[in-house]
Amino acid sequence: MDIRLHPSILSADFVNMEAELQLISAADAVHVDVMDNHFVPSLTFGPQMVKRIVEVSPIPLDVHLMIVDADRFAPGYAELGAQSVTFHVEAAANVGKTISAIQSHGSHAGIALKPGTPLEPYLDFFHQADMVLIMTVEPGSGGQAFLHDTMPKVEALRAYLDDHGLTPLVEVDGGITTQTLPIAWSHGANTFVAGSSVFGHGTPAHNIEDLRQSLPPPERNRA
């Protein structure tokens, strides 16, 4: 599998959202962070905004829910037309049921784990999910530094998936740059959320290409 890049619009210009989305049309998906000021101390988008982004985006939506009561609200984002909806296991009472509910609406279902959340209680759900997101910063705000001590968890996740013949995407989110992407790739990630390194300087399209080129060609097509 080639690397997948999902720029985060948390770092984009919200006033010119449609134009910003056009600037990242070369990416694989747009990462949309939904924060409720309860699960994390920040407030961003809700269903109305996500619905509008679905309507105008040239690429699919990878919605990341950082909200309480994920069991109740996550399926609704799938109904809006997001290609993928990821919720935090720390915010769900019934992880398996919520995965199934998202998938029943035709979306891929992802589960996210904070840096300090262990893998072991959730191993069974890796057999059901379409993506597993390992946070490489504490969730809640953009522009944070990459947490290198999350890499053993990414490596353990990759080992478990490979040992059991499982194929969910392994996504990392937080501090992804041309320097840290190869590190996360080498530990088993294949899907990368990048915000500041795409929108923070220069031209987003060029920055996306720089991220893709941060791996030598023979390494980019790891299964």
C-alpha atoms as a PDB file:
ATOM      1  CA  MET A   1       0.000   0.000   0.000  1.00  0.00           C
ATOM      2  CA  ASP A   2       1.250   3.458  -0.884  1.00  0.00           C
ATOM      3  CA  ILE A   3       1.209   6.005   1.916  1.00  0.00           C
ATOM      4  CA  ARG A   4      -2.075   7.812   2.462  1.00  0.00           C
ATOM      5  CA  LEU A   5      -2.125  11.514   3.343  1.00  0.00           C
ATOM      6  CA  HIS A   6      -5.104  13.087   5.104  1.00  0.00           C
ATOM      7  CA  PRO A   7      -4.491  16.835   5.622  1.00  0.00           C
ATOM      8  CA  SER A   8      -6.270  18.232   8.652  1.00  0.00           C
ATOM      9  CA  ILE A   9      -8.409  21.283   8.013  1.00  0.00           C
ATOM     10  CA  LEU A  10      -7.949  22.226  11.654  1.00  0.00           C
ATOM     11  CA  SER A  11      -4.973  24.189  10.302  1.00  0.00           C
ATOM     12  CA  ALA A  12      -6.825  25.626   7.296  1.00  0.00           C
ATOM     13  CA  ASP A  13      -8.475  29.030   6.847  1.00  0.00           C
ATOM     14  CA  PHE A  14     -12.026  28.400   8.026  1.00  0.00           C
ATOM     15  CA  VAL A  15     -13.351  31.541   6.308  1.00  0.00           C
ATOM     16  CA  ASN A  16     -12.220  30.208   2.915  1.00  0.00           C
ATOM     17  CA  MET A  17     -12.907  26.544   3.514  1.00  0.00           C
ATOM     18  CA  GLU A  18     -14.026  25.584   0.009  1.00  0.00           C
ATOM     19  CA  ALA A  19     -10.934  27.172  -1.541  1.00  0.00           C
ATOM     20  CA  GLU A  20      -8.697  25.501   1.054  1.00  0.00           C
ATOM     21  CA  LEU A  21     -10.189  22.122   0.184  1.00  0.00           C
ATOM     22  CA  GLN A  22      -9.352  22.635  -3.487  1.00  0.00           C
ATOM     23  CA  LEU A  23      -5.716  23.222  -2.520  1.00  0.00           C
ATOM     24  CA  ILE A  24      -5.437  19.697  -1.078  1.00  0.00           C
ATOM     25  CA  SER A  25      -7.182  17.830  -3.895  1.00  0.00           C
ATOM     26  CA  ALA A  26      -4.030  15.743  -4.425  1.00  0.00           C
ATOM     27  CA  ALA A  27      -4.415  14.193  -0.965  1.00  0.00           C
ATOM     28  CA  ASP A  28      -6.223  10.919  -0.314  1.00  0.00           C
ATOM     29  CA  ALA A  29      -8.817  12.366   2.071  1.00  0.00           C
ATOM     30  CA  VAL A  30      -9.442  15.433   4.196  1.00  0.00           C
ATOM     31  CA  HIS A  31      -9.235  14.929   7.955  1.00  0.00           C
ATOM     32  CA  VAL A  32     -12.060  16.741   9.743  1.00  0.00           C
ATOM     33  CA  ASP A  33     -11.690  17.107  13.512  1.00  0.00           C
ATOM     34  CA  VAL A  34     -14.976  17.359  15.373  1.00  0.00           C
ATOM     35  CA  MET A  35     -14.420  18.607  18.944  1.00  0.00           C
ATOM     36  CA  ASP A  36     -17.148  19.304  21.484  1.00  0.00           C
ATOM     37  CA  ASN A  37     -15.295  21.202  24.262  1.00  0.00           C
ATOM     38  CA  HIS A  38     -16.034  18.288  26.617  1.00  0.00           C
ATOM     39  CA  PHE A  39     -13.975  15.285  25.526  1.00  0.00           C
ATOM     40  CA  VAL A  40     -11.240  17.758  24.629  1.00  0.00           C
ATOM     41  CA  PRO A  41     -10.969  21.428  25.680  1.00  0.00           C
ATOM     42  CA  SER A  42     -11.631  22.762  22.178  1.00  0.00           C
ATOM     43  CA  LEU A  43     -14.683  23.420  20.018  1.00  0.00           C
ATOM     44  CA  THR A  44     -14.651  23.068  16.239  1.00  0.00           C
ATOM     45  CA  PHE A  45     -17.222  21.685  13.801  1.00  0.00           C
ATOM     46  CA  GLY A  46     -20.587  19.996  14.130  1.00  0.00           C
ATOM     47  CA  PRO A  47     -22.861  18.055  11.794  1.00  0.00           C
ATOM     48  CA  GLN A  48     -23.936  21.079   9.745  1.00  0.00           C
ATOM     49  CA  MET A  49     -20.366  21.988   8.858  1.00  0.00           C
ATOM     50  CA  VAL A  50     -19.429  18.394   8.090  1.00  0.00           C
ATOM     51  CA  LYS A  51     -22.455  18.074   5.808  1.00  0.00           C
ATOM     52  CA  ARG A  52     -21.374  21.169   3.883  1.00  0.00           C
ATOM     53  CA  ILE A  53     -17.783  19.964   3.592  1.00  0.00           C
ATOM     54  CA  VAL A  54     -19.067  16.672   2.162  1.00  0.00           C
ATOM     55  CA  GLU A  55     -20.918  18.678  -0.473  1.00  0.00           C
ATOM     56  CA  VAL A  56     -17.958  20.784  -1.636  1.00  0.00           C
ATOM     57  CA  SER A  57     -14.876  18.667  -0.967  1.00  0.00           C
ATOM     58  CA  PRO A  58     -13.025  17.217  -3.988  1.00  0.00           C
ATOM     59  CA  ILE A  59     -11.755  14.328  -1.841  1.00  0.00           C
ATOM     60  CA  PRO A  60     -13.451  12.024   0.687  1.00  0.00           C
ATOM     61  CA  LEU A  61     -13.867  12.925   4.349  1.00  0.00           C
ATOM     62  CA  ASP A  62     -12.006  11.223   7.189  1.00  0.00           C
ATOM     63  CA  VAL A  63     -14.004  12.469  10.189  1.00  0.00           C
ATOM     64  CA  HIS A  64     -12.323  12.235  13.587  1.00  0.00           C
ATOM     65  CA  LEU A  65     -14.740  12.595  16.477  1.00  0.00           C
ATOM     66  CA  MET A  66     -13.294  13.957  19.701  1.00  0.00           C
ATOM     67  CA  ILE A  67     -16.635  14.060  21.475  1.00  0.00           C
ATOM     68  CA  VAL A  68     -18.376  12.475  24.428  1.00  0.00           C
ATOM     69  CA  ASP A  69     -21.128   9.881  23.945  1.00  0.00           C
ATOM     70  CA  ALA A  70     -19.669   8.587  20.697  1.00  0.00           C
ATOM     71  CA  ASP A  71     -22.130   5.670  20.687  1.00  0.00           C
ATOM     72  CA  ARG A  72     -24.980   8.116  20.222  1.00  0.00           C
ATOM     73  CA  PHE A  73     -23.486  10.596  17.776  1.00  0.00           C
ATOM     74  CA  ALA A  74     -20.952   8.743  15.590  1.00  0.00           C
ATOM     75  CA  PRO A  75     -23.453   6.990  13.273  1.00  0.00           C
ATOM     76  CA  GLY A  76     -24.978  10.351  12.365  1.00  0.00           C
ATOM     77  CA  TYR A  77     -21.726  11.479  10.784  1.00  0.00           C
ATOM     78  CA  ALA A  78     -21.754   8.385   8.609  1.00  0.00           C
ATOM     79  CA  GLU A  79     -25.262   9.309   7.492  1.00  0.00           C
ATOM     80  CA  LEU A  80     -23.937  12.694   6.346  1.00  0.00           C
ATOM     81  CA  GLY A  81     -21.762  10.981   3.753  1.00  0.00           C
ATOM     82  CA  ALA A  82     -18.318  10.837   5.358  1.00  0.00           C
ATOM     83  CA  GLN A  83     -16.239   8.064   3.829  1.00  0.00           C
ATOM     84  CA  SER A  84     -14.740   7.258   7.229  1.00  0.00           C
ATOM     85  CA  VAL A  85     -15.842   8.047  10.780  1.00  0.00           C
ATOM     86  CA  THR A  86     -13.424   7.507  13.660  1.00  0.00           C
ATOM     87  CA  PHE A  87     -14.402   7.730  17.311  1.00  0.00           C
ATOM     88  CA  HIS A  88     -12.402   7.440  20.511  1.00  0.00           C
ATOM     89  CA  VAL A  89     -12.637   4.201  22.445  1.00  0.00           C
ATOM     90  CA  GLU A  90     -12.340   6.285  25.631  1.00  0.00           C
ATOM     91  CA  ALA A  91     -15.663   7.971  24.748  1.00  0.00           C
ATOM     92  CA  ALA A  92     -17.682   4.883  23.827  1.00  0.00           C
ATOM     93  CA  ALA A  93     -19.624   2.531  26.074  1.00  0.00           C
ATOM     94  CA  ASN A  94     -20.045  -0.125  23.364  1.00  0.00           C
ATOM     95  CA  VAL A  95     -17.185   0.033  20.855  1.00  0.00           C
ATOM     96  CA  GLY A  96     -18.272  -2.953  18.767  1.00  0.00           C
ATOM     97  CA  LYS A  97     -21.861  -1.795  18.418  1.00  0.00           C
ATOM     98  CA  THR A  98     -20.742   1.685  17.375  1.00  0.00           C
ATOM     99  CA  ILE A  99     -18.370   0.286  14.750  1.00  0.00           C
ATOM    100  CA  SER A 100     -21.231  -1.759  13.310  1.00  0.00           C
ATOM    101  CA  ALA A 101     -23.606   1.206  13.344  1.00  0.00           C
ATOM    102  CA  ILE A 102     -21.158   3.348  11.360  1.00  0.00           C
ATOM    103  CA  GLN A 103     -20.557   0.575   8.851  1.00  0.00           C
ATOM    104  CA  SER A 104     -24.302   0.002   8.453  1.00  0.00           C
ATOM    105  CA  HIS A 105     -24.542   3.474   6.901  1.00  0.00           C
ATOM    106  CA  GLY A 106     -21.917   2.617   4.282  1.00  0.00           C
ATOM    107  CA  SER A 107     -18.959   4.368   5.929  1.00  0.00           C
ATOM    108  CA  HIS A 108     -15.678   2.937   7.114  1.00  0.00           C
ATOM    109  CA  ALA A 109     -15.377   2.821  10.887  1.00  0.00           C
ATOM    110  CA  GLY A 110     -12.232   3.791  12.732  1.00  0.00           C
ATOM    111  CA  ILE A 111     -11.302   3.657  16.393  1.00  0.00           C
ATOM    112  CA  ALA A 112      -8.891   6.124  17.978  1.00  0.00           C
ATOM    113  CA  LEU A 113      -6.672   5.741  21.031  1.00  0.00           C
ATOM    114  CA  LYS A 114      -5.068   8.529  23.023  1.00  0.00           C
ATOM    115  CA  PRO A 115      -1.301   8.318  23.622  1.00  0.00           C
ATOM    116  CA  GLY A 116      -1.765   6.835  27.070  1.00  0.00           C
ATOM    117  CA  THR A 117      -4.487   4.312  26.154  1.00  0.00           C
ATOM    118  CA  PRO A 118      -3.162   0.728  25.896  1.00  0.00           C
ATOM    119  CA  LEU A 119      -3.950  -1.537  22.978  1.00  0.00           C
ATOM    120  CA  GLU A 120      -4.705  -4.680  24.935  1.00  0.00           C
ATOM    121  CA  PRO A 121      -8.325  -4.014  26.016  1.00  0.00           C
ATOM    122  CA  TYR A 122      -9.305  -3.323  22.401  1.00  0.00           C
ATOM    123  CA  LEU A 123      -7.598  -6.120  20.470  1.00  0.00           C
ATOM    124  CA  ASP A 124     -10.879  -7.792  19.487  1.00  0.00           C
ATOM    125  CA  PHE A 125     -12.106  -4.585  17.848  1.00  0.00           C
ATOM    126  CA  PHE A 126      -9.121  -4.489  15.497  1.00  0.00           C
ATOM    127  CA  HIS A 127     -10.778  -7.443  13.756  1.00  0.00           C
ATOM    128  CA  GLN A 128     -13.873  -5.324  13.116  1.00  0.00           C
ATOM    129  CA  ALA A 129     -12.601  -1.787  12.449  1.00  0.00           C
ATOM    130  CA  ASP A 130     -11.547  -0.425   9.073  1.00  0.00           C
ATOM    131  CA  MET A 131      -8.931   1.871  10.611  1.00  0.00           C
ATOM    132  CA  VAL A 132      -7.085   2.271  13.902  1.00  0.00           C
ATOM    133  CA  LEU A 133      -5.861   5.759  14.771  1.00  0.00           C
ATOM    134  CA  ILE A 134      -3.001   6.118  17.218  1.00  0.00           C
ATOM    135  CA  MET A 135      -2.741   9.685  18.472  1.00  0.00           C
ATOM    136  CA  THR A 136       0.846  10.920  18.352  1.00  0.00           C
ATOM    137  CA  VAL A 137      -0.090  14.028  20.354  1.00  0.00           C
ATOM    138  CA  GLU A 138      -2.662  14.610  23.054  1.00  0.00           C
ATOM    139  CA  PRO A 139      -5.961  15.255  21.253  1.00  0.00           C
ATOM    140  CA  GLY A 140      -7.477  18.703  21.316  1.00  0.00           C
ATOM    141  CA  SER A 141      -5.304  21.158  19.402  1.00  0.00           C
ATOM    142  CA  GLY A 142      -3.100  21.403  16.331  1.00  0.00           C
ATOM    143  CA  GLY A 143       0.566  22.283  16.094  1.00  0.00           C
ATOM    144  CA  GLN A 144       1.804  20.007  18.897  1.00  0.00           C
ATOM    145  CA  ALA A 145       5.141  18.202  18.838  1.00  0.00           C
ATOM    146  CA  PHE A 146       5.263  14.558  17.765  1.00  0.00           C
ATOM    147  CA  LEU A 147       5.386  12.136  20.701  1.00  0.00           C
ATOM    148  CA  HIS A 148       8.123   9.640  19.880  1.00  0.00           C
ATOM    149  CA  ASP A 149       7.161   7.450  22.819  1.00  0.00           C
ATOM    150  CA  THR A 150       3.946   6.455  20.984  1.00  0.00           C
ATOM    151  CA  MET A 151       5.955   4.540  18.383  1.00  0.00           C
ATOM    152  CA  PRO A 152       6.179   1.267  20.345  1.00  0.00           C
ATOM    153  CA  LYS A 153       2.384   1.215  20.401  1.00  0.00           C
ATOM    154  CA  VAL A 154       2.197   1.738  16.643  1.00  0.00           C
ATOM    155  CA  GLU A 155       4.725  -1.058  16.170  1.00  0.00           C
ATOM    156  CA  ALA A 156       2.769  -3.375  18.473  1.00  0.00           C
ATOM    157  CA  LEU A 157      -0.439  -2.615  16.582  1.00  0.00           C
ATOM    158  CA  ARG A 158       1.218  -3.387  13.249  1.00  0.00           C
ATOM    159  CA  ALA A 159       2.607  -6.643  14.612  1.00  0.00           C
ATOM    160  CA  TYR A 160      -0.802  -7.709  15.915  1.00  0.00           C
ATOM    161  CA  LEU A 161      -2.523  -6.911  12.612  1.00  0.00           C
ATOM    162  CA  ASP A 162       0.104  -8.742  10.578  1.00  0.00           C
ATOM    163  CA  ASP A 163       0.062 -11.756  12.894  1.00  0.00           C
ATOM    164  CA  HIS A 164      -3.713 -12.071  12.497  1.00  0.00           C
ATOM    165  CA  GLY A 165      -3.929 -11.233   8.797  1.00  0.00           C
ATOM    166  CA  LEU A 166      -5.903  -8.046   9.448  1.00  0.00           C
ATOM    167  CA  THR A 167      -5.940  -5.090   7.069  1.00  0.00           C
ATOM    168  CA  PRO A 168      -7.320  -1.950   8.755  1.00  0.00           C
ATOM    169  CA  LEU A 169      -5.443   1.233   7.994  1.00  0.00           C
ATOM    170  CA  VAL A 170      -3.000   2.332  10.681  1.00  0.00           C
ATOM    171  CA  GLU A 171      -3.344   6.079  11.018  1.00  0.00           C
ATOM    172  CA  VAL A 172      -1.238   8.477  13.075  1.00  0.00           C
ATOM    173  CA  ASP A 173      -2.270  12.021  13.930  1.00  0.00           C
ATOM    174  CA  GLY A 174      -0.153  14.754  15.459  1.00  0.00           C
ATOM    175  CA  GLY A 175       3.194  16.354  14.662  1.00  0.00           C
ATOM    176  CA  ILE A 176       3.506  14.707  11.243  1.00  0.00           C
ATOM    177  CA  THR A 177       6.213  16.336   9.115  1.00  0.00           C
ATOM    178  CA  THR A 178       8.715  15.224   6.501  1.00  0.00           C
ATOM    179  CA  GLN A 179      10.972  14.275   9.429  1.00  0.00           C
ATOM    180  CA  THR A 180       8.447  12.331  11.523  1.00  0.00           C
ATOM    181  CA  LEU A 181       6.448  10.639   8.756  1.00  0.00           C
ATOM    182  CA  PRO A 182       9.306   8.226   7.912  1.00  0.00           C
ATOM    183  CA  ILE A 183       9.662   7.406  11.609  1.00  0.00           C
ATOM    184  CA  ALA A 184       5.976   6.532  11.972  1.00  0.00           C
ATOM    185  CA  TRP A 185       6.074   4.596   8.675  1.00  0.00           C
ATOM    186  CA  SER A 186       9.039   2.561   9.880  1.00  0.00           C
ATOM    187  CA  HIS A 187       7.011   1.525  12.943  1.00  0.00           C
ATOM    188  CA  GLY A 188       4.012   0.414  10.886  1.00  0.00           C
ATOM    189  CA  ALA A 189       1.763   3.386  10.115  1.00  0.00           C
ATOM    190  CA  ASN A 190       0.483   3.829   6.563  1.00  0.00           C
ATOM    191  CA  THR A 191      -1.986   6.724   6.895  1.00  0.00           C
ATOM    192  CA  PHE A 192      -0.872  10.169   8.033  1.00  0.00           C
ATOM    193  CA  VAL A 193      -2.775  13.195   9.272  1.00  0.00           C
ATOM    194  CA  ALA A 194      -0.852  16.418   8.712  1.00  0.00           C
ATOM    195  CA  GLY A 195      -2.124  19.885   9.540  1.00  0.00           C
ATOM    196  CA  SER A 196       0.496  22.549  10.156  1.00  0.00           C
ATOM    197  CA  SER A 197       2.981  20.913   7.784  1.00  0.00           C
ATOM    198  CA  VAL A 198       0.422  21.193   4.944  1.00  0.00           C
ATOM    199  CA  PHE A 199      -1.292  24.515   5.640  1.00  0.00           C
ATOM    200  CA  GLY A 200       1.264  26.295   7.838  1.00  0.00           C
ATOM    201  CA  HIS A 201       3.656  27.486   5.142  1.00  0.00           C
ATOM    202  CA  GLY A 202       4.188  27.559   1.393  1.00  0.00           C
ATOM    203  CA  THR A 203       1.739  25.826  -0.955  1.00  0.00           C
ATOM    204  CA  PRO A 204      -0.413  22.953   0.369  1.00  0.00           C
ATOM    205  CA  ALA A 205      -0.079  20.936  -2.857  1.00  0.00           C
ATOM    206  CA  HIS A 206       3.710  21.185  -2.736  1.00  0.00           C
ATOM    207  CA  ASN A 207       3.742  20.298   0.949  1.00  0.00           C
ATOM    208  CA  ILE A 208       1.637  17.204   0.284  1.00  0.00           C
ATOM    209  CA  GLU A 209       4.108  16.110  -2.394  1.00  0.00           C
ATOM    210  CA  ASP A 210       7.029  16.767  -0.039  1.00  0.00           C
ATOM    211  CA  LEU A 211       5.406  14.499   2.545  1.00  0.00           C
ATOM    212  CA  ARG A 212       4.942  11.752  -0.066  1.00  0.00           C
ATOM    213  CA  GLN A 213       8.551  12.128  -1.165  1.00  0.00           C
ATOM    214  CA  SER A 214       9.870  11.936   2.395  1.00  0.00           C
ATOM    215  CA  LEU A 215      10.083   8.160   1.866  1.00  0.00           C
ATOM    216  CA  PRO A 216      12.397   6.658  -0.764  1.00  0.00           C
ATOM    217  CA  PRO A 217      10.356   5.144  -3.647  1.00  0.00           C
ATOM    218  CA  PRO A 218      11.054   1.479  -2.766  1.00  0.00           C
ATOM    219  CA  GLU A 219       9.621   2.027   0.697  1.00  0.00           C
ATOM    220  CA  ARG A 220       6.387   3.734  -0.310  1.00  0.00           C
ATOM    221  CA  ASN A 221       4.587   0.609  -1.452  1.00  0.00           C
ATOM    222  CA  ARG A 222       4.758  -1.519   1.672  1.00  0.00           C
ATOM    223  CA  ALA A 223       1.734  -3.743   2.056  1.00  0.00           C
END
